[in-house]
């Protein structure tokens, strides 16, 4: 009898557990994405969003290391390490700005473009699996909840990631 009670205790959740579910889903999604990226040989990409941003020429022309760090919400040092790794892997090229020698221009290489396409397929694979069994109505409802959470976070001082702002304007 005691074992059954413990099992029911483990399976019962309260409204306070919503935050735990939110964190668990986020963590599980990241792990699945990492596994998918690893299986495709993309584990060394580091910050795929840098490649996505460089793929968009308008954004690439405006962004430097500081711009990437602000857009991604990571430190400039993290971006510097990712850029160094991606340059070494032949995914991006770096050239000095002739007008301002302190600034470097980044460009995505053909190899980098192929990696971006592989990353997109990896993301789509994981996202398709994540939302399997959801109706269109449920997806729209969930999107509304996420938008509301983002609005709440903005009200608390958070910045909307640059890539989200671009999605809404295009």
Protein backbone atom coordinates (compact mmCIF):
# COMPACT_ATOMS: atom_id res chain seq x y z
CA UNK A 1 0.00 0.00 0.00
CA UNK A 2 2.84 2.35 0.85
CA UNK A 3 4.51 1.79 -2.54
CA UNK A 4 1.29 2.65 -4.36
CA UNK A 5 0.93 5.84 -2.33
CA UNK A 6 4.51 6.85 -3.23
CA UNK A 7 3.84 6.19 -6.93
CA UNK A 8 0.72 8.37 -6.84
CA UNK A 9 2.74 11.04 -5.06
CA UNK A 10 5.35 11.03 -7.84
CA UNK A 11 2.72 11.16 -10.59
CA UNK A 12 0.63 13.94 -9.06
CA UNK A 13 1.64 17.49 -9.89
CA UNK A 14 0.45 20.83 -8.64
CA UNK A 15 0.11 24.13 -10.44
CA UNK A 16 3.41 25.12 -8.82
CA UNK A 17 5.14 22.50 -10.99
CA UNK A 18 4.40 24.43 -14.19
CA UNK A 19 7.73 26.20 -13.88
CA UNK A 20 9.47 22.84 -13.52
CA UNK A 21 7.77 21.53 -16.66
CA UNK A 22 8.79 24.67 -18.53
CA UNK A 23 12.43 24.21 -17.53
CA UNK A 24 12.35 20.46 -18.18
CA UNK A 25 10.91 20.88 -21.69
CA UNK A 26 13.51 23.53 -22.47
CA UNK A 27 16.34 21.34 -21.23
CA UNK A 28 15.05 18.24 -23.01
CA UNK A 29 14.66 20.20 -26.27
CA UNK A 30 18.24 21.48 -26.02
CA UNK A 31 19.53 17.95 -25.36
CA UNK A 32 17.63 16.52 -28.34
CA UNK A 33 18.93 19.34 -30.51
CA UNK A 34 22.50 18.75 -29.33
CA UNK A 35 22.16 15.02 -30.07
CA UNK A 36 20.80 15.80 -33.54
CA UNK A 37 23.58 18.32 -34.21
CA UNK A 38 26.20 15.82 -33.02
CA UNK A 39 24.78 13.08 -35.25
CA UNK A 40 25.12 15.42 -38.23
CA UNK A 41 28.70 16.36 -37.36
CA UNK A 42 27.68 19.86 -36.32
CA UNK A 43 28.85 19.74 -32.71
CA UNK A 44 31.69 22.21 -33.37
CA UNK A 45 29.42 24.96 -34.70
CA UNK A 46 29.19 26.59 -31.28
CA UNK A 47 26.74 29.38 -31.99
CA UNK A 48 24.64 28.42 -35.03
CA UNK A 49 22.77 31.71 -34.70
CA UNK A 50 25.95 33.55 -35.72
CA UNK A 51 25.90 31.60 -38.98
CA UNK A 52 22.17 32.30 -39.42
CA UNK A 53 22.80 36.00 -38.89
CA UNK A 54 25.74 36.01 -41.31
CA UNK A 55 23.56 34.29 -43.88
CA UNK A 56 21.34 37.38 -43.78
CA UNK A 57 23.64 39.88 -45.54
CA UNK A 58 21.86 42.95 -44.14
CA UNK A 59 22.40 41.78 -40.57
CA UNK A 60 25.96 40.66 -41.29
CA UNK A 61 26.89 44.10 -42.61
CA UNK A 62 25.71 45.73 -39.40
CA UNK A 63 26.99 43.22 -36.82
CA UNK A 64 30.39 43.10 -35.24
CA UNK A 65 31.43 40.96 -32.28
CA UNK A 66 29.61 43.23 -29.84
CA UNK A 67 26.49 43.21 -32.02
CA UNK A 68 26.46 39.42 -32.14
CA UNK A 69 26.88 39.16 -28.38
CA UNK A 70 23.97 41.56 -27.78
CA UNK A 71 21.76 39.78 -30.31
CA UNK A 72 22.48 36.37 -28.82
CA UNK A 73 22.47 37.42 -25.19
CA UNK A 74 25.95 36.05 -24.54
CA UNK A 75 29.24 37.70 -23.63
CA UNK A 76 31.59 39.14 -26.28
CA UNK A 77 34.19 36.60 -25.10
CA UNK A 78 31.80 33.74 -25.88
CA UNK A 79 31.23 35.16 -29.36
CA UNK A 80 34.99 35.58 -29.85
CA UNK A 81 35.60 31.90 -29.04
CA UNK A 82 32.79 30.81 -31.37
CA UNK A 83 34.06 33.03 -34.18
CA UNK A 84 37.59 31.70 -33.75
CA UNK A 85 36.35 28.09 -33.89
CA UNK A 86 34.11 28.73 -36.90
CA UNK A 87 36.90 30.52 -38.72
CA UNK A 88 39.27 27.62 -38.00
CA UNK A 89 36.61 25.18 -39.27
CA UNK A 90 36.27 27.20 -42.50
CA UNK A 91 32.67 28.24 -41.82
CA UNK A 92 33.33 31.98 -41.78
CA UNK A 93 36.03 34.33 -42.97
CA UNK A 94 37.24 37.44 -41.19
CA UNK A 95 38.71 40.55 -42.78
CA UNK A 96 39.80 43.88 -41.33
CA UNK A 97 37.66 46.92 -42.02
CA UNK A 98 39.80 49.25 -44.19
CA UNK A 99 38.19 52.33 -42.61
CA UNK A 100 38.38 51.18 -38.98
CA UNK A 101 41.25 48.75 -38.38
CA UNK A 102 39.84 47.87 -34.94
CA UNK A 103 36.76 46.32 -36.54
CA UNK A 104 36.56 43.01 -38.37
CA UNK A 105 34.06 42.05 -41.04
CA UNK A 106 32.71 38.52 -40.91
CA UNK A 107 31.38 36.61 -43.89
CA UNK A 108 29.92 33.16 -44.20
CA UNK A 109 31.74 30.76 -46.51
CA UNK A 110 30.17 28.23 -48.88
CA UNK A 111 30.97 25.55 -46.31
CA UNK A 112 29.23 27.69 -43.69
CA UNK A 113 26.13 27.98 -45.90
CA UNK A 114 25.96 24.18 -46.17
CA UNK A 115 26.28 23.92 -42.38
CA UNK A 116 23.43 26.42 -41.94
CA UNK A 117 21.24 24.26 -44.17
CA UNK A 118 22.15 21.18 -42.09
CA UNK A 119 21.40 23.11 -38.88
CA UNK A 120 18.00 24.12 -40.23
CA UNK A 121 17.21 20.49 -41.04
CA UNK A 122 18.33 19.44 -37.54
CA UNK A 123 16.14 22.12 -35.92
CA UNK A 124 13.18 21.15 -38.09
CA UNK A 125 13.60 17.47 -37.20
CA UNK A 126 13.61 18.16 -33.46
CA UNK A 127 10.80 20.72 -33.68
CA UNK A 128 8.62 18.39 -35.74
CA UNK A 129 9.09 15.67 -33.13
CA UNK A 130 8.46 18.10 -30.28
CA UNK A 131 5.11 19.25 -31.65
CA UNK A 132 3.98 15.84 -32.94
CA UNK A 133 0.30 15.31 -32.18
CA UNK A 134 -0.47 19.00 -31.66
CA UNK A 135 -3.39 20.36 -33.68
CA UNK A 136 -3.06 23.68 -35.47
CA UNK A 137 -5.36 25.21 -32.87
CA UNK A 138 -3.19 23.92 -30.02
CA UNK A 139 -0.06 25.27 -31.72
CA UNK A 140 -1.63 28.72 -32.08
CA UNK A 141 -2.77 28.63 -28.46
CA UNK A 142 0.72 27.68 -27.29
CA UNK A 143 2.22 30.46 -29.44
CA UNK A 144 -0.10 32.92 -27.73
CA UNK A 145 1.10 31.74 -24.33
CA UNK A 146 4.73 32.14 -25.36
CA UNK A 147 4.06 35.63 -26.72
CA UNK A 148 2.44 36.58 -23.42
CA UNK A 149 5.42 35.19 -21.47
CA UNK A 150 7.77 37.22 -23.68
CA UNK A 151 5.71 40.36 -23.05
CA UNK A 152 5.89 39.68 -19.30
CA UNK A 153 9.67 39.24 -19.53
CA UNK A 154 10.03 42.46 -21.52
CA UNK A 155 8.01 44.24 -18.82
CA UNK A 156 10.60 42.94 -16.33
CA UNK A 157 13.42 44.39 -18.43
CA UNK A 158 14.41 41.53 -20.74
CA UNK A 159 15.35 42.21 -24.34
CA UNK A 160 13.62 40.40 -27.19
CA UNK A 161 16.34 38.51 -29.11
CA UNK A 162 17.26 40.19 -32.38
CA UNK A 163 16.31 37.14 -34.43
CA UNK A 164 12.75 37.33 -33.07
CA UNK A 165 12.44 40.99 -33.96
CA UNK A 166 13.49 40.21 -37.53
CA UNK A 167 10.97 37.38 -37.86
CA UNK A 168 8.16 39.72 -36.92
CA UNK A 169 9.16 42.38 -39.46
CA UNK A 170 9.59 40.06 -42.44
